[in-house]
PDB file of N, CA and C in Angstrom:
ATOM      1  N   MET A   1     -12.428 -14.130   0.159  1.00  0.00           N
ATOM      2  CA  MET A   1     -11.234 -14.082   0.628  1.00  0.00           C
ATOM      3  C   MET A   1     -10.058 -14.266  -0.274  1.00  0.00           C
ATOM      4  N   LEU A   2      -9.114 -13.327  -0.048  1.00  0.00           N
ATOM      5  CA  LEU A   2      -7.947 -13.552  -1.105  1.00  0.00           C
ATOM      6  C   LEU A   2      -6.730 -13.796  -0.178  1.00  0.00           C
ATOM      7  N   LYS A   3      -5.856 -14.542  -0.955  1.00  0.00           N
ATOM      8  CA  LYS A   3      -4.467 -14.781  -0.251  1.00  0.00           C
ATOM      9  C   LYS A   3      -3.419 -14.176  -0.875  1.00  0.00           C
ATOM     10  N   LEU A   4      -2.575 -13.537  -0.279  1.00  0.00           N
ATOM     11  CA  LEU A   4      -1.346 -12.926  -0.613  1.00  0.00           C
ATOM     12  C   LEU A   4       0.057 -13.447  -0.350  1.00  0.00           C
ATOM     13  N   LYS A   5       0.816 -13.725  -1.189  1.00  0.00           N
ATOM     14  CA  LYS A   5       1.972 -14.341  -0.838  1.00  0.00           C
ATOM     15  C   LYS A   5       3.249 -13.561  -1.385  1.00  0.00           C
ATOM     16  N   VAL A   6       4.095 -13.154  -0.622  1.00  0.00           N
ATOM     17  CA  VAL A   6       5.158 -12.141  -0.894  1.00  0.00           C
ATOM     18  C   VAL A   6       6.441 -13.007  -0.555  1.00  0.00           C
ATOM     19  N   GLU A   7       7.196 -12.942  -1.547  1.00  0.00           N
ATOM     20  CA  GLU A   7       8.763 -13.536  -1.701  1.00  0.00           C
ATOM     21  C   GLU A   7       9.846 -12.649  -1.901  1.00  0.00           C
ATOM     22  N   GLY A   8      10.812 -12.510  -1.129  1.00  0.00           N
ATOM     23  CA  GLY A   8      11.988 -11.720  -1.311  1.00  0.00           C
ATOM     24  C   GLY A   8      12.691 -11.585  -0.047  1.00  0.00           C
ATOM     25  N   PRO A   9      13.719 -10.663  -0.128  1.00  0.00           N
ATOM     26  CA  PRO A   9      14.583 -10.489   1.070  1.00  0.00           C
ATOM     27  C   PRO A   9      13.703 -10.359   2.503  1.00  0.00           C
ATOM     28  N   GLU A  10      14.281 -11.045   3.449  1.00  0.00           N
ATOM     29  CA  GLU A  10      13.256 -10.938   4.558  1.00  0.00           C
ATOM     30  C   GLU A  10      13.089  -9.564   5.283  1.00  0.00           C
ATOM     31  N   GLY A  11      13.789  -8.731   5.220  1.00  0.00           N
ATOM     32  CA  GLY A  11      13.535  -7.351   5.734  1.00  0.00           C
ATOM     33  C   GLY A  11      12.462  -6.660   4.905  1.00  0.00           C
ATOM     34  N   GLU A  12      12.616  -6.723   3.602  1.00  0.00           N
ATOM     35  CA  GLU A  12      11.539  -6.240   2.621  1.00  0.00           C
ATOM     36  C   GLU A  12      10.433  -6.744   2.637  1.00  0.00           C
ATOM     37  N   VAL A  13      10.399  -8.051   2.891  1.00  0.00           N
ATOM     38  CA  VAL A  13       9.042  -8.848   3.119  1.00  0.00           C
ATOM     39  C   VAL A  13       8.199  -8.359   4.235  1.00  0.00           C
ATOM     40  N   GLN A  14       9.072  -8.202   5.215  1.00  0.00           N
ATOM     41  CA  GLN A  14       8.543  -7.807   6.520  1.00  0.00           C
ATOM     42  C   GLN A  14       7.899  -6.495   6.727  1.00  0.00           C
ATOM     43  N   ALA A  15       8.714  -5.538   5.879  1.00  0.00           N
ATOM     44  CA  ALA A  15       8.148  -4.078   5.924  1.00  0.00           C
ATOM     45  C   ALA A  15       7.107  -4.045   5.074  1.00  0.00           C
ATOM     46  N   PHE A  16       6.805  -4.870   3.972  1.00  0.00           N
ATOM     47  CA  PHE A  16       5.879  -4.615   3.119  1.00  0.00           C
ATOM     48  C   PHE A  16       4.396  -5.238   3.948  1.00  0.00           C
ATOM     49  N   MET A  17       4.667  -6.362   4.474  1.00  0.00           N
ATOM     50  CA  MET A  17       3.585  -6.963   5.300  1.00  0.00           C
ATOM     51  C   MET A  17       2.954  -5.923   6.309  1.00  0.00           C
ATOM     52  N   ASN A  18       4.071  -5.276   7.059  1.00  0.00           N
ATOM     53  CA  ASN A  18       3.581  -4.392   8.159  1.00  0.00           C
ATOM     54  C   ASN A  18       2.580  -3.237   7.336  1.00  0.00           C
ATOM     55  N   ASP A  19       3.224  -2.648   6.240  1.00  0.00           N
ATOM     56  CA  ASP A  19       2.474  -1.798   5.481  1.00  0.00           C
ATOM     57  C   ASP A  19       1.103  -2.360   5.112  1.00  0.00           C
ATOM     58  N   PHE A  20       1.045  -3.361   4.604  1.00  0.00           N
ATOM     59  CA  PHE A  20      -0.105  -3.982   4.128  1.00  0.00           C
ATOM     60  C   PHE A  20      -1.181  -4.242   5.043  1.00  0.00           C
ATOM     61  N   THR A  21      -0.866  -4.552   6.334  1.00  0.00           N
ATOM     62  CA  THR A  21      -1.598  -4.861   7.251  1.00  0.00           C
ATOM     63  C   THR A  21      -2.413  -3.616   7.708  1.00  0.00           C
ATOM     64  N   ASN A  22      -1.770  -2.386   7.679  1.00  0.00           N
ATOM     65  CA  ASN A  22      -2.315  -1.160   7.981  1.00  0.00           C
ATOM     66  C   ASN A  22      -3.238  -0.413   6.852  1.00  0.00           C
ATOM     67  N   ASN A  23      -3.376  -1.084   5.873  1.00  0.00           N
ATOM     68  CA  ASN A  23      -4.116  -0.516   4.824  1.00  0.00           C
ATOM     69  C   ASN A  23      -5.638  -0.564   5.002  1.00  0.00           C
ATOM     70  N   PRO A  24      -6.410   0.497   5.056  1.00  0.00           N
ATOM     71  CA  PRO A  24      -7.876   0.432   5.433  1.00  0.00           C
ATOM     72  C   PRO A  24      -8.697  -0.376   4.574  1.00  0.00           C
ATOM     73  N   GLN A  25      -8.124  -0.388   3.344  1.00  0.00           N
ATOM     74  CA  GLN A  25      -8.925  -1.281   2.440  1.00  0.00           C
ATOM     75  C   GLN A  25      -8.867  -2.742   2.452  1.00  0.00           C
ATOM     76  N   CYS A  26      -7.982  -3.376   3.427  1.00  0.00           N
ATOM     77  CA  CYS A  26      -7.807  -4.618   3.381  1.00  0.00           C
ATOM     78  C   CYS A  26      -8.173  -5.099   5.040  1.00  0.00           C
ATOM     79  N   SER A  27      -8.896  -5.994   5.251  1.00  0.00           N
ATOM     80  CA  SER A  27      -9.611  -6.583   6.593  1.00  0.00           C
ATOM     81  C   SER A  27      -8.710  -7.797   6.485  1.00  0.00           C
ATOM     82  N   ILE A  28      -7.828  -7.722   7.301  1.00  0.00           N
ATOM     83  CA  ILE A  28      -6.720  -8.964   7.500  1.00  0.00           C
ATOM     84  C   ILE A  28      -7.521 -10.103   8.405  1.00  0.00           C
ATOM     85  N   LYS A  29      -7.400 -11.285   7.806  1.00  0.00           N
ATOM     86  CA  LYS A  29      -7.891 -12.425   8.540  1.00  0.00           C
ATOM     87  C   LYS A  29      -6.927 -13.231   9.273  1.00  0.00           C
ATOM     88  N   SER A  30      -5.794 -13.502   8.601  1.00  0.00           N
ATOM     89  CA  SER A  30      -4.616 -14.040   9.163  1.00  0.00           C
ATOM     90  C   SER A  30      -3.398 -13.958   8.453  1.00  0.00           C
ATOM     91  N   CYS A  31      -2.325 -13.763   9.133  1.00  0.00           N
ATOM     92  CA  CYS A  31      -1.081 -13.673   8.459  1.00  0.00           C
ATOM     93  C   CYS A  31       0.176 -14.456   9.305  1.00  0.00           C
ATOM     94  N   SER A  32       0.961 -14.955   8.262  1.00  0.00           N
ATOM     95  CA  SER A  32       2.003 -15.890   8.756  1.00  0.00           C
ATOM     96  C   SER A  32       2.873 -15.112   9.812  1.00  0.00           C
ATOM     97  N   GLN A  33       3.331 -15.776  10.815  1.00  0.00           N
ATOM     98  CA  GLN A  33       4.345 -15.289  11.683  1.00  0.00           C
ATOM     99  C   GLN A  33       5.591 -15.608  11.318  1.00  0.00           C
ATOM    100  N   PRO A  34       6.793 -14.809  11.788  1.00  0.00           N
ATOM    101  CA  PRO A  34       8.005 -15.404  11.209  1.00  0.00           C
ATOM    102  C   PRO A  34       8.480 -16.565  11.363  1.00  0.00           C
ATOM    103  N   PHE A  35       8.089 -17.355  12.255  1.00  0.00           N
ATOM    104  CA  PHE A  35       8.391 -18.429  12.612  1.00  0.00           C
ATOM    105  C   PHE A  35       7.596 -19.634  11.434  1.00  0.00           C
ATOM    106  N   GLN A  36       6.635 -19.105  10.949  1.00  0.00           N
ATOM    107  CA  GLN A  36       5.813 -19.813   9.961  1.00  0.00           C
ATOM    108  C   GLN A  36       6.295 -19.676   8.454  1.00  0.00           C
ATOM    109  N   ASN A  37       7.049 -18.677   8.327  1.00  0.00           N
ATOM    110  CA  ASN A  37       7.555 -18.265   6.890  1.00  0.00           C
ATOM    111  C   ASN A  37       8.555 -19.502   6.302  1.00  0.00           C
ATOM    112  N   ASP A  38       8.347 -19.482   5.272  1.00  0.00           N
ATOM    113  CA  ASP A  38       9.263 -20.492   4.354  1.00  0.00           C
ATOM    114  C   ASP A  38      10.702 -19.705   4.125  1.00  0.00           C
ATOM    115  N   TYR A  39      11.580 -20.208   4.561  1.00  0.00           N
ATOM    116  CA  TYR A  39      13.087 -19.541   4.262  1.00  0.00           C
ATOM    117  C   TYR A  39      13.623 -20.292   3.110  1.00  0.00           C
ATOM    118  N   LEU A  40      13.996 -19.513   2.268  1.00  0.00           N
ATOM    119  CA  LEU A  40      14.590 -19.778   0.865  1.00  0.00           C
ATOM    120  C   LEU A  40      16.161 -19.607   1.018  1.00  0.00           C
ATOM    121  N   GLU A  41      16.949 -19.749  -0.096  1.00  0.00           N
ATOM    122  CA  GLU A  41      18.219 -19.543  -0.051  1.00  0.00           C
ATOM    123  C   GLU A  41      18.547 -18.197  -0.355  1.00  0.00           C
ATOM    124  N   ASN A  42      19.737 -17.744  -0.090  1.00  0.00           N
ATOM    125  CA  ASN A  42      20.089 -16.256  -0.420  1.00  0.00           C
ATOM    126  C   ASN A  42      19.257 -15.138   0.540  1.00  0.00           C
ATOM    127  N   ASP A  43      19.140 -15.762   1.802  1.00  0.00           N
ATOM    128  CA  ASP A  43      18.343 -14.903   2.903  1.00  0.00           C
ATOM    129  C   ASP A  43      16.889 -14.320   2.470  1.00  0.00           C
ATOM    130  N   GLU A  44      16.245 -15.183   1.523  1.00  0.00           N
ATOM    131  CA  GLU A  44      14.968 -14.815   1.073  1.00  0.00           C
ATOM    132  C   GLU A  44      13.852 -15.739   1.877  1.00  0.00           C
ATOM    133  N   THR A  45      12.679 -15.147   1.855  1.00  0.00           N
ATOM    134  CA  THR A  45      11.670 -15.748   2.535  1.00  0.00           C
ATOM    135  C   THR A  45      10.230 -15.730   1.872  1.00  0.00           C
ATOM    136  N   ASN A  46       9.454 -16.408   2.225  1.00  0.00           N
ATOM    137  CA  ASN A  46       7.975 -16.348   1.586  1.00  0.00           C
ATOM    138  C   ASN A  46       7.131 -16.143   2.916  1.00  0.00           C
ATOM    139  N   SER A  47       6.086 -15.054   2.738  1.00  0.00           N
ATOM    140  CA  SER A  47       5.144 -14.834   3.639  1.00  0.00           C
ATOM    141  C   SER A  47       3.832 -14.809   3.051  1.00  0.00           C
ATOM    142  N   PHE A  48       2.929 -15.108   3.818  1.00  0.00           N
ATOM    143  CA  PHE A  48       1.616 -15.086   3.370  1.00  0.00           C
ATOM    144  C   PHE A  48       0.591 -14.253   4.301  1.00  0.00           C
ATOM    145  N   CYS A  49      -0.623 -13.911   3.662  1.00  0.00           N
ATOM    146  CA  CYS A  49      -1.641 -13.355   4.323  1.00  0.00           C
ATOM    147  C   CYS A  49      -2.974 -13.664   3.727  1.00  0.00           C
ATOM    148  N   TYR A  50      -4.137 -13.844   4.556  1.00  0.00           N
ATOM    149  CA  TYR A  50      -5.355 -14.031   3.842  1.00  0.00           C
ATOM    150  C   TYR A  50      -6.036 -12.603   4.370  1.00  0.00           C
ATOM    151  N   PHE A  51      -6.759 -12.146   3.389  1.00  0.00           N
ATOM    152  CA  PHE A  51      -7.700 -10.822   3.757  1.00  0.00           C
ATOM    153  C   PHE A  51      -8.704 -10.775   2.887  1.00  0.00           C
ATOM    154  N   ASP A  52      -9.713  -9.686   3.278  1.00  0.00           N
ATOM    155  CA  ASP A  52     -10.699  -9.356   2.301  1.00  0.00           C
ATOM    156  C   ASP A  52     -10.591  -7.885   1.941  1.00  0.00           C
ATOM    157  N   TYR A  53     -10.744  -7.730   0.748  1.00  0.00           N
ATOM    158  CA  TYR A  53     -10.588  -6.319   0.284  1.00  0.00           C
ATOM    159  C   TYR A  53     -11.786  -5.645  -0.064  1.00  0.00           C
ATOM    160  N   HIS A  54     -11.801  -4.350   0.411  1.00  0.00           N
ATOM    161  CA  HIS A  54     -12.937  -3.407   0.426  1.00  0.00           C
ATOM    162  C   HIS A  54     -12.658  -2.075  -0.395  1.00  0.00           C
ATOM    163  N   PRO A  55     -13.390  -2.038  -1.478  1.00  0.00           N
ATOM    164  CA  PRO A  55     -13.110  -0.711  -2.300  1.00  0.00           C
ATOM    165  C   PRO A  55     -13.477   0.668  -1.407  1.00  0.00           C
ATOM    166  N   LEU A  56     -12.857   1.807  -1.529  1.00  0.00           N
ATOM    167  CA  LEU A  56     -13.145   3.013  -0.834  1.00  0.00           C
ATOM    168  C   LEU A  56     -14.459   3.400  -0.663  1.00  0.00           C
ATOM    169  N   HIS A  57     -15.436   3.215  -1.845  1.00  0.00           N
ATOM    170  CA  HIS A  57     -16.696   3.406  -1.786  1.00  0.00           C
ATOM    171  C   HIS A  57     -17.609   2.569  -0.611  1.00  0.00           C
ATOM    172  N   GLU A  58     -17.067   1.486  -0.344  1.00  0.00           N
ATOM    173  CA  GLU A  58     -17.843   0.363   0.460  1.00  0.00           C
ATOM    174  C   GLU A  58     -17.266   0.779   1.849  1.00  0.00           C
ATOM    175  N   ILE A  59     -16.283   1.362   2.144  1.00  0.00           N
ATOM    176  CA  ILE A  59     -15.767   1.381   3.521  1.00  0.00           C
ATOM    177  C   ILE A  59     -16.255   2.874   3.856  1.00  0.00           C
ATOM    178  N   GLY A  60     -16.628   3.880   2.790  1.00  0.00           N
ATOM    179  CA  GLY A  60     -17.040   5.059   3.211  1.00  0.00           C
ATOM    180  C   GLY A  60     -15.832   5.883   3.649  1.00  0.00           C
ATOM    181  N   LYS A  61     -14.658   5.648   3.384  1.00  0.00           N
ATOM    182  CA  LYS A  61     -13.640   6.407   3.897  1.00  0.00           C
ATOM    183  C   LYS A  61     -12.954   7.359   2.674  1.00  0.00           C
ATOM    184  N   ALA A  62     -12.721   8.575   2.849  1.00  0.00           N
ATOM    185  CA  ALA A  62     -12.175   9.277   1.503  1.00  0.00           C
ATOM    186  C   ALA A  62     -10.572   8.926   1.907  1.00  0.00           C
ATOM    187  N   MET A  63      -9.973   8.990   0.849  1.00  0.00           N
ATOM    188  CA  MET A  63      -8.475   8.760   0.933  1.00  0.00           C
ATOM    189  C   MET A  63      -7.743   9.995   0.292  1.00  0.00           C
ATOM    190  N   VAL A  64      -6.950  10.846   1.189  1.00  0.00           N
ATOM    191  CA  VAL A  64      -6.513  11.900   0.880  1.00  0.00           C
ATOM    192  C   VAL A  64      -5.101  11.746   0.732  1.00  0.00           C
ATOM    193  N   VAL A  65      -4.436  12.389  -0.321  1.00  0.00           N
ATOM    194  CA  VAL A  65      -2.823  12.185  -0.657  1.00  0.00           C
ATOM    195  C   VAL A  65      -2.333  13.629  -0.925  1.00  0.00           C
ATOM    196  N   THR A  66      -1.401  13.821  -0.163  1.00  0.00           N
ATOM    197  CA  THR A  66      -0.595  15.085  -0.166  1.00  0.00           C
ATOM    198  C   THR A  66       0.864  14.938  -0.483  1.00  0.00           C
ATOM    199  N   PHE A  67       1.249  15.769  -1.646  1.00  0.00           N
ATOM    200  CA  PHE A  67       2.660  15.795  -2.049  1.00  0.00           C
ATOM    201  C   PHE A  67       3.143  17.109  -1.810  1.00  0.00           C
ATOM    202  N   GLN A  68       4.472  17.092  -1.495  1.00  0.00           N
ATOM    203  CA  GLN A  68       5.283  18.393  -1.550  1.00  0.00           C
ATOM    204  C   GLN A  68       5.998  18.605  -2.366  1.00  0.00           C
ATOM    205  N   THR A  69       6.044  19.606  -3.082  1.00  0.00           N
ATOM    206  CA  THR A  69       6.746  19.966  -4.247  1.00  0.00           C
ATOM    207  C   THR A  69       8.195  20.343  -3.778  1.00  0.00           C
ATOM    208  N   GLN A  70       9.238  20.649  -4.786  1.00  0.00           N
ATOM    209  CA  GLN A  70      10.479  20.905  -4.467  1.00  0.00           C
ATOM    210  C   GLN A  70      10.489  22.300  -3.826  1.00  0.00           C
ATOM    211  N   ASN A  71       9.717  23.233  -4.156  1.00  0.00           N
ATOM    212  CA  ASN A  71       9.755  24.623  -3.654  1.00  0.00           C
ATOM    213  C   ASN A  71       8.841  24.475  -2.355  1.00  0.00           C
ATOM    214  N   GLY A  72       8.482  23.446  -1.747  1.00  0.00           N
ATOM    215  CA  GLY A  72       7.666  23.357  -0.409  1.00  0.00           C
ATOM    216  C   GLY A  72       6.230  23.598  -0.607  1.00  0.00           C
ATOM    217  N   GLU A  73       5.608  23.583  -1.798  1.00  0.00           N
ATOM    218  CA  GLU A  73       4.372  23.804  -1.759  1.00  0.00           C
ATOM    219  C   GLU A  73       3.424  22.478  -1.632  1.00  0.00           C
ATOM    220  N   ASP A  74       2.660  22.377  -0.943  1.00  0.00           N
ATOM    221  CA  ASP A  74       1.519  21.145  -0.546  1.00  0.00           C
ATOM    222  C   ASP A  74       0.563  21.017  -1.556  1.00  0.00           C
ATOM    223  N   LEU A  75       0.469  19.796  -2.400  1.00  0.00           N
ATOM    224  CA  LEU A  75      -0.594  19.662  -3.287  1.00  0.00           C
ATOM    225  C   LEU A  75      -1.399  18.661  -2.674  1.00  0.00           C
ATOM    226  N   THR A  76      -2.680  18.769  -2.283  1.00  0.00           N
ATOM    227  CA  THR A  76      -3.432  17.912  -1.625  1.00  0.00           C
ATOM    228  C   THR A  76      -4.755  17.487  -2.507  1.00  0.00           C
ATOM    229  N   PHE A  77      -5.116  16.222  -2.615  1.00  0.00           N
ATOM    230  CA  PHE A  77      -6.250  15.927  -3.292  1.00  0.00           C
ATOM    231  C   PHE A  77      -7.012  14.650  -2.616  1.00  0.00           C
ATOM    232  N   SER A  78      -8.204  14.625  -3.073  1.00  0.00           N
ATOM    233  CA  SER A  78      -8.940  13.321  -2.499  1.00  0.00           C
ATOM    234  C   SER A  78      -9.165  12.320  -3.647  1.00  0.00           C
ATOM    235  N   LEU A  79      -9.028  10.900  -3.363  1.00  0.00           N
ATOM    236  CA  LEU A  79      -9.372   9.923  -4.296  1.00  0.00           C
ATOM    237  C   LEU A  79     -10.971   9.519  -4.146  1.00  0.00           C
ATOM    238  N   GLU A  80     -11.646   9.539  -5.267  1.00  0.00           N
ATOM    239  CA  GLU A  80     -12.962   9.031  -5.051  1.00  0.00           C
ATOM    240  C   GLU A  80     -12.983   7.616  -4.983  1.00  0.00           C
ATOM    241  N   TYR A  81     -11.974   7.009  -5.500  1.00  0.00           N
ATOM    242  CA  TYR A  81     -11.646   5.453  -5.416  1.00  0.00           C
ATOM    243  C   TYR A  81     -10.185   5.320  -5.790  1.00  0.00           C
ATOM    244  N   GLY A  82      -9.731   4.220  -5.100  1.00  0.00           N
ATOM    245  CA  GLY A  82      -8.377   4.008  -5.681  1.00  0.00           C
ATOM    246  C   GLY A  82      -7.434   3.389  -4.513  1.00  0.00           C
ATOM    247  N   LYS A  83      -6.239   3.218  -4.751  1.00  0.00           N
ATOM    248  CA  LYS A  83      -5.457   2.645  -3.660  1.00  0.00           C
ATOM    249  C   LYS A  83      -4.015   3.267  -3.702  1.00  0.00           C
ATOM    250  N   VAL A  84      -3.386   3.085  -2.490  1.00  0.00           N
ATOM    251  CA  VAL A  84      -2.040   3.498  -2.517  1.00  0.00           C
ATOM    252  C   VAL A  84      -1.205   2.399  -1.835  1.00  0.00           C
ATOM    253  N   ILE A  85       0.007   2.026  -2.446  1.00  0.00           N
ATOM    254  CA  ILE A  85       0.748   1.014  -1.957  1.00  0.00           C
ATOM    255  C   ILE A  85       2.241   1.359  -1.946  1.00  0.00           C
ATOM    256  N   ARG A  86       2.811   1.120  -0.576  1.00  0.00           N
ATOM    257  CA  ARG A  86       4.037   1.525  -0.518  1.00  0.00           C
ATOM    258  C   ARG A  86       4.692   0.494  -0.498  1.00  0.00           C
ATOM    259  N   VAL A  87       5.992   0.224  -1.207  1.00  0.00           N
ATOM    260  CA  VAL A  87       6.993  -0.723  -1.189  1.00  0.00           C
ATOM    261  C   VAL A  87       8.286  -0.091  -0.633  1.00  0.00           C
ATOM    262  N   GLY A  88       8.739  -0.219   0.289  1.00  0.00           N
ATOM    263  CA  GLY A  88      10.154   0.592   0.850  1.00  0.00           C
ATOM    264  C   GLY A  88       9.926   2.095   0.498  1.00  0.00           C
ATOM    265  N   ASN A  89      10.677   2.647  -0.352  1.00  0.00           N
ATOM    266  CA  ASN A  89      10.560   4.193  -0.338  1.00  0.00           C
ATOM    267  C   ASN A  89       9.741   4.725  -1.814  1.00  0.00           C
ATOM    268  N   ILE A  90       9.141   3.622  -2.325  1.00  0.00           N
ATOM    269  CA  ILE A  90       8.425   3.705  -3.606  1.00  0.00           C
ATOM    270  C   ILE A  90       6.863   3.669  -3.194  1.00  0.00           C
ATOM    271  N   VAL A  91       6.281   4.628  -3.855  1.00  0.00           N
ATOM    272  CA  VAL A  91       4.706   4.890  -3.487  1.00  0.00           C
ATOM    273  C   VAL A  91       4.040   4.589  -4.915  1.00  0.00           C
ATOM    274  N   HIS A  92       3.193   3.771  -4.909  1.00  0.00           N
ATOM    275  CA  HIS A  92       2.321   3.606  -6.211  1.00  0.00           C
ATOM    276  C   HIS A  92       0.965   4.091  -5.716  1.00  0.00           C
ATOM    277  N   ILE A  93       0.195   5.037  -6.655  1.00  0.00           N
ATOM    278  CA  ILE A  93      -1.090   5.611  -6.317  1.00  0.00           C
ATOM    279  C   ILE A  93      -2.024   5.498  -7.663  1.00  0.00           C
ATOM    280  N   THR A  94      -2.932   4.746  -7.409  1.00  0.00           N
ATOM    281  CA  THR A  94      -3.895   4.697  -8.702  1.00  0.00           C
ATOM    282  C   THR A  94      -5.229   4.997  -8.118  1.00  0.00           C
ATOM    283  N   GLY A  95      -6.147   5.598  -8.982  1.00  0.00           N
ATOM    284  CA  GLY A  95      -7.392   5.884  -8.743  1.00  0.00           C
ATOM    285  C   GLY A  95      -8.015   6.994  -9.352  1.00  0.00           C
ATOM    286  N   LYS A  96      -9.108   7.474  -9.107  1.00  0.00           N
ATOM    287  CA  LYS A  96      -9.811   8.722  -9.634  1.00  0.00           C
ATOM    288  C   LYS A  96      -9.807   9.816  -8.736  1.00  0.00           C
ATOM    289  N   ILE A  97      -9.263  11.040  -8.754  1.00  0.00           N
ATOM    290  CA  ILE A  97      -9.362  12.019  -8.048  1.00  0.00           C
ATOM    291  C   ILE A  97     -10.604  13.016  -8.080  1.00  0.00           C
ATOM    292  N   SER A  98     -11.005  13.581  -7.110  1.00  0.00           N
ATOM    293  CA  SER A  98     -12.351  14.527  -7.002  1.00  0.00           C
ATOM    294  C   SER A  98     -12.140  15.715  -8.012  1.00  0.00           C
ATOM    295  N   SER A  99     -11.055  16.317  -7.894  1.00  0.00           N
ATOM    296  CA  SER A  99     -10.848  17.463  -8.661  1.00  0.00           C
ATOM    297  C   SER A  99      -9.354  17.384  -9.245  1.00  0.00           C
ATOM    298  N   PHE A 100      -9.274  18.360 -10.343  1.00  0.00           N
ATOM    299  CA  PHE A 100      -7.993  18.102 -10.858  1.00  0.00           C
ATOM    300  C   PHE A 100      -6.591  18.673 -10.076  1.00  0.00           C
ATOM    301  N   LEU A 101      -5.607  18.254 -10.318  1.00  0.00           N
ATOM    302  CA  LEU A 101      -4.250  18.836  -9.867  1.00  0.00           C
ATOM    303  C   LEU A 101      -4.039  20.050 -10.363  1.00  0.00           C
ATOM    304  N   PRO A 102      -3.587  21.219  -9.748  1.00  0.00           N
ATOM    305  CA  PRO A 102      -2.826  22.126 -10.525  1.00  0.00           C
ATOM    306  C   PRO A 102      -1.582  21.777 -11.336  1.00  0.00           C
ATOM    307  N   GLN A 103      -1.334  22.680 -12.477  1.00  0.00           N
ATOM    308  CA  GLN A 103      -0.144  22.521 -13.219  1.00  0.00           C
ATOM    309  C   GLN A 103       1.114  22.460 -12.450  1.00  0.00           C
ATOM    310  N   ILE A 104       1.916  21.529 -12.474  1.00  0.00           N
ATOM    311  CA  ILE A 104       3.283  21.392 -11.792  1.00  0.00           C
ATOM    312  C   ILE A 104       4.241  22.051 -12.635  1.00  0.00           C
ATOM    313  N   ALA A 105       5.046  23.102 -12.270  1.00  0.00           N
ATOM    314  CA  ALA A 105       5.773  23.642 -13.180  1.00  0.00           C
ATOM    315  C   ALA A 105       6.978  22.600 -13.743  1.00  0.00           C
ATOM    316  N   GLY A 106       7.345  22.566 -14.785  1.00  0.00           N
ATOM    317  CA  GLY A 106       8.506  21.678 -15.044  1.00  0.00           C
ATOM    318  C   GLY A 106       8.042  20.359 -15.553  1.00  0.00           C
ATOM    319  N   TRP A 107       6.687  19.955 -15.433  1.00  0.00           N
ATOM    320  CA  TRP A 107       6.320  18.480 -15.978  1.00  0.00           C
ATOM    321  C   TRP A 107       5.470  18.686 -17.276  1.00  0.00           C
TER     322      TRP A 107
END
């Protein structure tokens, strides 16, 4: 079992924890409720979560990621293994894809 502790502005911490609990690779055991969080100065808070992590190959679920280019084309690929983490409007994707992405013009 792993413990995750997140510290920052209350709204951002709550949004991150909501996204994290919906991650299929994480089996959540318990999470702090707002009244259990530690409130710090400058409207910041600490929140925590206990969870088990399961790699994609263990849970048997393919992760499909789709990007839309500026000209409206959809680029879809499957991850053999990896993870997707969203913090606000920033998405971090790491892993190994099943096939290569087509060349994106301008990159």
